[in-house]
Amino acid sequence: MTQTTSRFFDEVARLMNDAAGVAQGVRREVDTLFRTQAERWMRDLDLVKREEFEAVKDMARLAREENEALKTKLSAMESAAGQHSSSDHDAMKARLSALEAQAGQHANTEHDAMKTRIAALEAQVAKLAAVAPSATPPSDTPPTL
Protein backbone atom coordinates (compact mmCIF):
# COMPACT_ATOMS: atom_id res chain seq x y z
CA MET A 1 0.00 0.00 0.00
CA THR A 2 2.83 2.39 0.73
CA GLN A 3 4.21 1.90 -2.73
CA THR A 4 0.80 2.72 -4.29
CA THR A 5 0.47 5.82 -2.15
CA SER A 6 4.00 6.86 -3.01
CA ARG A 7 3.35 6.39 -6.72
CA PHE A 8 0.13 8.40 -6.38
CA PHE A 9 2.01 11.29 -4.73
CA ASP A 10 4.73 11.06 -7.37
CA GLU A 11 2.10 11.37 -10.10
CA VAL A 12 0.43 14.31 -8.31
CA ALA A 13 3.81 16.02 -7.90
CA ARG A 14 4.64 15.48 -11.58
CA LEU A 15 1.22 16.84 -12.59
CA MET A 16 1.70 19.94 -10.39
CA ASN A 17 5.19 20.47 -11.82
CA ASP A 18 3.85 20.25 -15.38
CA ALA A 19 1.00 22.65 -14.54
CA ALA A 20 3.48 25.14 -13.09
CA GLY A 21 5.59 24.90 -16.24
CA VAL A 22 2.56 25.51 -18.44
CA ALA A 23 1.56 28.50 -16.29
CA GLN A 24 5.09 29.93 -16.61
CA GLY A 25 4.96 29.50 -20.39
CA VAL A 26 1.58 31.23 -20.58
CA ARG A 27 2.87 34.07 -18.42
CA ARG A 28 5.91 34.54 -20.68
CA GLU A 29 3.65 34.49 -23.72
CA VAL A 30 1.33 37.14 -22.22
CA ASP A 31 4.32 39.30 -21.25
CA THR A 32 5.72 39.06 -24.78
CA LEU A 33 2.34 39.87 -26.31
CA PHE A 34 1.85 42.88 -24.03
CA ARG A 35 5.37 44.18 -24.69
CA THR A 36 4.88 43.82 -28.46
CA GLN A 37 1.55 45.66 -28.30
CA ALA A 38 3.05 48.45 -26.16
CA GLU A 39 5.95 48.87 -28.58
CA ARG A 40 3.50 49.08 -31.49
CA TRP A 41 1.49 51.76 -29.68
CA MET A 42 4.64 53.75 -29.05
CA ARG A 43 5.62 53.58 -32.73
CA ASP A 44 2.09 54.55 -33.81
CA LEU A 45 2.10 57.55 -31.49
CA ASP A 46 5.18 58.91 -33.28
CA LEU A 47 6.71 60.10 -30.01
CA VAL A 48 9.66 62.42 -30.13
CA LYS A 49 12.91 61.26 -28.60
CA ARG A 50 14.50 63.26 -25.80
CA GLU A 51 17.55 64.00 -27.98
CA GLU A 52 15.37 65.46 -30.75
CA PHE A 53 13.45 67.59 -28.26
CA GLU A 54 16.68 68.90 -26.73
CA ALA A 55 18.07 69.67 -30.21
CA VAL A 56 14.97 71.70 -31.15
CA LYS A 57 15.09 73.45 -27.78
CA ASP A 58 18.74 74.39 -28.39
CA MET A 59 17.90 75.62 -31.89
CA ALA A 60 15.21 77.90 -30.45
CA ARG A 61 17.61 79.24 -27.80
CA LEU A 62 20.25 79.94 -30.45
CA ALA A 63 17.69 81.69 -32.67
CA ARG A 64 16.66 83.93 -29.74
CA GLU A 65 20.29 84.74 -28.99
CA GLU A 66 20.95 85.52 -32.66
CA ASN A 67 17.87 87.77 -32.77
CA GLU A 68 19.10 89.64 -29.71
CA ALA A 69 22.55 90.07 -31.30
CA LEU A 70 20.94 91.37 -34.49
CA LYS A 71 18.85 93.83 -32.47
CA THR A 72 21.97 95.11 -30.74
CA LYS A 73 23.78 95.42 -34.06
CA LEU A 74 20.74 97.18 -35.51
CA SER A 75 20.66 99.68 -32.67
CA ALA A 76 24.37 100.39 -33.15
CA MET A 77 23.83 100.92 -36.86
CA GLU A 78 20.89 103.22 -36.22
CA SER A 79 22.94 105.36 -33.87
CA ALA A 80 25.84 105.37 -36.34
CA ALA A 81 23.47 106.32 -39.15
CA GLY A 82 22.51 109.49 -37.31
CA GLN A 83 26.14 110.65 -37.33
CA HIS A 84 26.75 110.24 -41.09
CA SER A 85 25.83 112.34 -44.08
CA SER A 86 22.49 111.90 -45.83
CA SER A 87 23.92 109.62 -48.55
CA ASP A 88 25.55 107.49 -45.88
CA HIS A 89 22.31 107.71 -43.99
CA ASP A 90 20.31 106.36 -46.96
CA ALA A 91 22.83 103.53 -47.48
CA MET A 92 22.68 102.67 -43.80
CA LYS A 93 18.88 102.68 -43.87
CA ALA A 94 18.88 100.31 -46.83
CA ARG A 95 21.35 98.02 -45.05
CA LEU A 96 19.28 98.25 -41.89
CA SER A 97 16.11 97.32 -43.77
CA ALA A 98 17.91 94.35 -45.30
CA LEU A 99 19.12 93.22 -41.87
CA GLU A 100 15.65 93.66 -40.38
CA ALA A 101 14.16 91.60 -43.20
CA GLN A 102 16.80 88.92 -42.71
CA ALA A 103 16.24 88.83 -38.94
CA GLY A 104 12.47 88.75 -39.37
CA GLN A 105 12.63 85.98 -41.94
CA HIS A 106 14.95 83.93 -39.77
CA ALA A 107 12.81 84.49 -36.68
CA ASN A 108 9.60 83.64 -38.55
CA THR A 109 11.08 80.45 -39.98
CA GLU A 110 12.34 79.32 -36.60
CA HIS A 111 9.11 80.37 -34.94
CA ASP A 112 6.98 78.48 -37.47
CA ALA A 113 9.15 75.37 -37.13
CA MET A 114 8.85 75.51 -33.34
CA LYS A 115 5.06 76.00 -33.51
CA THR A 116 4.75 72.99 -35.82
CA ARG A 117 6.89 70.84 -33.55
CA ILE A 118 4.98 71.95 -30.44
CA ALA A 119 1.67 71.15 -32.13
CA ALA A 120 3.00 67.70 -33.01
CA LEU A 121 4.16 67.14 -29.42
CA GLU A 122 0.79 68.26 -28.04
CA ALA A 123 -0.96 65.85 -30.41
CA GLN A 124 1.30 63.03 -29.24
CA VAL A 125 0.56 63.84 -25.59
CA ALA A 126 -3.17 63.82 -26.33
CA LYS A 127 -2.87 60.44 -28.07
CA LEU A 128 -0.86 59.05 -25.17
CA ALA A 129 -3.40 60.35 -22.66
CA ALA A 130 -6.20 58.71 -24.63
CA VAL A 131 -4.37 55.37 -24.85
CA ALA A 132 -2.82 55.23 -21.37
CA PRO A 133 -5.99 54.69 -19.27
CA SER A 134 -7.00 51.64 -21.33
CA ALA A 135 -3.58 49.97 -21.10
CA THR A 136 -3.31 47.71 -18.05
CA PRO A 137 0.00 46.16 -17.11
CA PRO A 138 0.07 42.39 -16.70
CA SER A 139 -0.24 41.13 -13.14
CA ASP A 140 2.54 39.19 -11.47
CA THR A 141 0.24 36.24 -10.81
CA PRO A 142 0.00 33.62 -13.53
CA PRO A 143 -3.38 33.27 -15.22
CA THR A 144 -5.64 30.55 -13.95
CA LEU A 145 -6.43 27.68 -16.26
C-alpha atoms as a PDB file:
ATOM      1  CA  MET A   1       0.000   0.000   0.000  1.00  0.00           C
ATOM      2  CA  THR A   2       2.829   2.389   0.731  1.00  0.00           C
ATOM      3  CA  GLN A   3       4.208   1.898  -2.735  1.00  0.00           C
ATOM      4  CA  THR A   4       0.799   2.717  -4.291  1.00  0.00           C
ATOM      5  CA  THR A   5       0.467   5.824  -2.151  1.00  0.00           C
ATOM      6  CA  SER A   6       4.005   6.863  -3.012  1.00  0.00           C
ATOM      7  CA  ARG A   7       3.348   6.390  -6.720  1.00  0.00           C
ATOM      8  CA  PHE A   8       0.130   8.401  -6.385  1.00  0.00           C
ATOM      9  CA  PHE A   9       2.009  11.291  -4.733  1.00  0.00           C
ATOM     10  CA  ASP A  10       4.731  11.065  -7.374  1.00  0.00           C
ATOM     11  CA  GLU A  11       2.104  11.374 -10.103  1.00  0.00           C
ATOM     12  CA  VAL A  12       0.426  14.308  -8.315  1.00  0.00           C
ATOM     13  CA  ALA A  13       3.808  16.022  -7.899  1.00  0.00           C
ATOM     14  CA  ARG A  14       4.643  15.482 -11.576  1.00  0.00           C
ATOM     15  CA  LEU A  15       1.223  16.841 -12.591  1.00  0.00           C
ATOM     16  CA  MET A  16       1.697  19.936 -10.389  1.00  0.00           C
ATOM     17  CA  ASN A  17       5.185  20.473 -11.818  1.00  0.00           C
ATOM     18  CA  ASP A  18       3.848  20.250 -15.385  1.00  0.00           C
ATOM     19  CA  ALA A  19       1.001  22.650 -14.545  1.00  0.00           C
ATOM     20  CA  ALA A  20       3.480  25.138 -13.091  1.00  0.00           C
ATOM     21  CA  GLY A  21       5.595  24.898 -16.239  1.00  0.00           C
ATOM     22  CA  VAL A  22       2.562  25.511 -18.442  1.00  0.00           C
ATOM     23  CA  ALA A  23       1.560  28.500 -16.287  1.00  0.00           C
ATOM     24  CA  GLN A  24       5.088  29.933 -16.615  1.00  0.00           C
ATOM     25  CA  GLY A  25       4.959  29.499 -20.387  1.00  0.00           C
ATOM     26  CA  VAL A  26       1.581  31.231 -20.579  1.00  0.00           C
ATOM     27  CA  ARG A  27       2.868  34.072 -18.420  1.00  0.00           C
ATOM     28  CA  ARG A  28       5.912  34.537 -20.681  1.00  0.00           C
ATOM     29  CA  GLU A  29       3.653  34.490 -23.724  1.00  0.00           C
ATOM     30  CA  VAL A  30       1.328  37.135 -22.217  1.00  0.00           C
ATOM     31  CA  ASP A  31       4.320  39.297 -21.252  1.00  0.00           C
ATOM     32  CA  THR A  32       5.722  39.061 -24.777  1.00  0.00           C
ATOM     33  CA  LEU A  33       2.343  39.865 -26.308  1.00  0.00           C
ATOM     34  CA  PHE A  34       1.853  42.877 -24.026  1.00  0.00           C
ATOM     35  CA  ARG A  35       5.373  44.179 -24.687  1.00  0.00           C
ATOM     36  CA  THR A  36       4.881  43.824 -28.464  1.00  0.00           C
ATOM     37  CA  GLN A  37       1.552  45.663 -28.302  1.00  0.00           C
ATOM     38  CA  ALA A  38       3.045  48.446 -26.159  1.00  0.00           C
ATOM     39  CA  GLU A  39       5.951  48.867 -28.584  1.00  0.00           C
ATOM     40  CA  ARG A  40       3.496  49.079 -31.488  1.00  0.00           C
ATOM     41  CA  TRP A  41       1.487  51.761 -29.676  1.00  0.00           C
ATOM     42  CA  MET A  42       4.641  53.749 -29.048  1.00  0.00           C
ATOM     43  CA  ARG A  43       5.617  53.577 -32.729  1.00  0.00           C
ATOM     44  CA  ASP A  44       2.087  54.550 -33.810  1.00  0.00           C
ATOM     45  CA  LEU A  45       2.101  57.553 -31.493  1.00  0.00           C
ATOM     46  CA  ASP A  46       5.183  58.911 -33.281  1.00  0.00           C
ATOM     47  CA  LEU A  47       6.707  60.099 -30.013  1.00  0.00           C
ATOM     48  CA  VAL A  48       9.665  62.423 -30.131  1.00  0.00           C
ATOM     49  CA  LYS A  49      12.912  61.255 -28.603  1.00  0.00           C
ATOM     50  CA  ARG A  50      14.504  63.262 -25.799  1.00  0.00           C
ATOM     51  CA  GLU A  51      17.549  63.997 -27.984  1.00  0.00           C
ATOM     52  CA  GLU A  52      15.368  65.461 -30.746  1.00  0.00           C
ATOM     53  CA  PHE A  53      13.448  67.587 -28.258  1.00  0.00           C
ATOM     54  CA  GLU A  54      16.678  68.903 -26.728  1.00  0.00           C
ATOM     55  CA  ALA A  55      18.071  69.672 -30.206  1.00  0.00           C
ATOM     56  CA  VAL A  56      14.973  71.699 -31.152  1.00  0.00           C
ATOM     57  CA  LYS A  57      15.092  73.448 -27.785  1.00  0.00           C
ATOM     58  CA  ASP A  58      18.741  74.393 -28.385  1.00  0.00           C
ATOM     59  CA  MET A  59      17.896  75.624 -31.893  1.00  0.00           C
ATOM     60  CA  ALA A  60      15.205  77.904 -30.450  1.00  0.00           C
ATOM     61  CA  ARG A  61      17.615  79.236 -27.801  1.00  0.00           C
ATOM     62  CA  LEU A  62      20.254  79.940 -30.452  1.00  0.00           C
ATOM     63  CA  ALA A  63      17.690  81.689 -32.665  1.00  0.00           C
ATOM     64  CA  ARG A  64      16.658  83.926 -29.744  1.00  0.00           C
ATOM     65  CA  GLU A  65      20.293  84.736 -28.994  1.00  0.00           C
ATOM     66  CA  GLU A  66      20.945  85.521 -32.659  1.00  0.00           C
ATOM     67  CA  ASN A  67      17.873  87.770 -32.771  1.00  0.00           C
ATOM     68  CA  GLU A  68      19.104  89.642 -29.709  1.00  0.00           C
ATOM     69  CA  ALA A  69      22.554  90.072 -31.296  1.00  0.00           C
ATOM     70  CA  LEU A  70      20.939  91.372 -34.485  1.00  0.00           C
ATOM     71  CA  LYS A  71      18.847  93.829 -32.469  1.00  0.00           C
ATOM     72  CA  THR A  72      21.974  95.111 -30.740  1.00  0.00           C
ATOM     73  CA  LYS A  73      23.775  95.423 -34.063  1.00  0.00           C
ATOM     74  CA  LEU A  74      20.741  97.178 -35.515  1.00  0.00           C
ATOM     75  CA  SER A  75      20.665  99.685 -32.671  1.00  0.00           C
ATOM     76  CA  ALA A  76      24.366 100.386 -33.152  1.00  0.00           C
ATOM     77  CA  MET A  77      23.829 100.917 -36.864  1.00  0.00           C
ATOM     78  CA  GLU A  78      20.891 103.221 -36.221  1.00  0.00           C
ATOM     79  CA  SER A  79      22.939 105.362 -33.869  1.00  0.00           C
ATOM     80  CA  ALA A  80      25.845 105.375 -36.335  1.00  0.00           C
ATOM     81  CA  ALA A  81      23.465 106.319 -39.152  1.00  0.00           C
ATOM     82  CA  GLY A  82      22.507 109.486 -37.306  1.00  0.00           C
ATOM     83  CA  GLN A  83      26.142 110.649 -37.325  1.00  0.00           C
ATOM     84  CA  HIS A  84      26.752 110.242 -41.087  1.00  0.00           C
ATOM     85  CA  SER A  85      25.825 112.337 -44.082  1.00  0.00           C
ATOM     86  CA  SER A  86      22.486 111.899 -45.830  1.00  0.00           C
ATOM     87  CA  SER A  87      23.921 109.618 -48.547  1.00  0.00           C
ATOM     88  CA  ASP A  88      25.550 107.492 -45.878  1.00  0.00           C
ATOM     89  CA  HIS A  89      22.311 107.711 -43.993  1.00  0.00           C
ATOM     90  CA  ASP A  90      20.315 106.358 -46.957  1.00  0.00           C
ATOM     91  CA  ALA A  91      22.828 103.534 -47.483  1.00  0.00           C
ATOM     92  CA  MET A  92      22.679 102.672 -43.796  1.00  0.00           C
ATOM     93  CA  LYS A  93      18.880 102.680 -43.870  1.00  0.00           C
ATOM     94  CA  ALA A  94      18.883 100.306 -46.825  1.00  0.00           C
ATOM     95  CA  ARG A  95      21.346  98.021 -45.049  1.00  0.00           C
ATOM     96  CA  LEU A  96      19.276  98.255 -41.886  1.00  0.00           C
ATOM     97  CA  SER A  97      16.105  97.319 -43.766  1.00  0.00           C
ATOM     98  CA  ALA A  98      17.906  94.347 -45.295  1.00  0.00           C
ATOM     99  CA  LEU A  99      19.124  93.221 -41.873  1.00  0.00           C
ATOM    100  CA  GLU A 100      15.649  93.660 -40.384  1.00  0.00           C
ATOM    101  CA  ALA A 101      14.156  91.597 -43.205  1.00  0.00           C
ATOM    102  CA  GLN A 102      16.804  88.919 -42.708  1.00  0.00           C
ATOM    103  CA  ALA A 103      16.244  88.835 -38.942  1.00  0.00           C
ATOM    104  CA  GLY A 104      12.471  88.754 -39.366  1.00  0.00           C
ATOM    105  CA  GLN A 105      12.634  85.976 -41.943  1.00  0.00           C
ATOM    106  CA  HIS A 106      14.955  83.927 -39.771  1.00  0.00           C
ATOM    107  CA  ALA A 107      12.813  84.489 -36.681  1.00  0.00           C
ATOM    108  CA  ASN A 108       9.605  83.645 -38.554  1.00  0.00           C
ATOM    109  CA  THR A 109      11.081  80.451 -39.985  1.00  0.00           C
ATOM    110  CA  GLU A 110      12.342  79.316 -36.595  1.00  0.00           C
ATOM    111  CA  HIS A 111       9.106  80.373 -34.941  1.00  0.00           C
ATOM    112  CA  ASP A 112       6.980  78.477 -37.466  1.00  0.00           C
ATOM    113  CA  ALA A 113       9.148  75.371 -37.127  1.00  0.00           C
ATOM    114  CA  MET A 114       8.848  75.508 -33.337  1.00  0.00           C
ATOM    115  CA  LYS A 115       5.061  76.005 -33.515  1.00  0.00           C
ATOM    116  CA  THR A 116       4.750  72.991 -35.824  1.00  0.00           C
ATOM    117  CA  ARG A 117       6.893  70.836 -33.554  1.00  0.00           C
ATOM    118  CA  ILE A 118       4.984  71.952 -30.437  1.00  0.00           C
ATOM    119  CA  ALA A 119       1.672  71.148 -32.130  1.00  0.00           C
ATOM    120  CA  ALA A 120       3.002  67.695 -33.006  1.00  0.00           C
ATOM    121  CA  LEU A 121       4.163  67.143 -29.425  1.00  0.00           C
ATOM    122  CA  GLU A 122       0.789  68.258 -28.041  1.00  0.00           C
ATOM    123  CA  ALA A 123      -0.962  65.846 -30.406  1.00  0.00           C
ATOM    124  CA  GLN A 124       1.298  63.035 -29.237  1.00  0.00           C
ATOM    125  CA  VAL A 125       0.564  63.841 -25.587  1.00  0.00           C
ATOM    126  CA  ALA A 126      -3.173  63.821 -26.332  1.00  0.00           C
ATOM    127  CA  LYS A 127      -2.871  60.436 -28.071  1.00  0.00           C
ATOM    128  CA  LEU A 128      -0.861  59.049 -25.168  1.00  0.00           C
ATOM    129  CA  ALA A 129      -3.400  60.352 -22.658  1.00  0.00           C
ATOM    130  CA  ALA A 130      -6.196  58.714 -24.633  1.00  0.00           C
ATOM    131  CA  VAL A 131      -4.366  55.373 -24.851  1.00  0.00           C
ATOM    132  CA  ALA A 132      -2.820  55.234 -21.370  1.00  0.00           C
ATOM    133  CA  PRO A 133      -5.985  54.690 -19.275  1.00  0.00           C
ATOM    134  CA  SER A 134      -7.005  51.636 -21.328  1.00  0.00           C
ATOM    135  CA  ALA A 135      -3.582  49.967 -21.097  1.00  0.00           C
ATOM    136  CA  THR A 136      -3.310  47.712 -18.048  1.00  0.00           C
ATOM    137  CA  PRO A 137       0.001  46.157 -17.107  1.00  0.00           C
ATOM    138  CA  PRO A 138       0.074  42.394 -16.701  1.00  0.00           C
ATOM    139  CA  SER A 139      -0.237  41.135 -13.142  1.00  0.00           C
ATOM    140  CA  ASP A 140       2.538  39.195 -11.468  1.00  0.00           C
ATOM    141  CA  THR A 141       0.245  36.243 -10.807  1.00  0.00           C
ATOM    142  CA  PRO A 142       0.001  33.623 -13.531  1.00  0.00           C
ATOM    143  CA  PRO A 143      -3.376  33.267 -15.220  1.00  0.00           C
ATOM    144  CA  THR A 144      -5.642  30.555 -13.953  1.00  0.00           C
ATOM    145  CA  LEU A 145      -6.426  27.683 -16.259  1.00  0.00           C
END
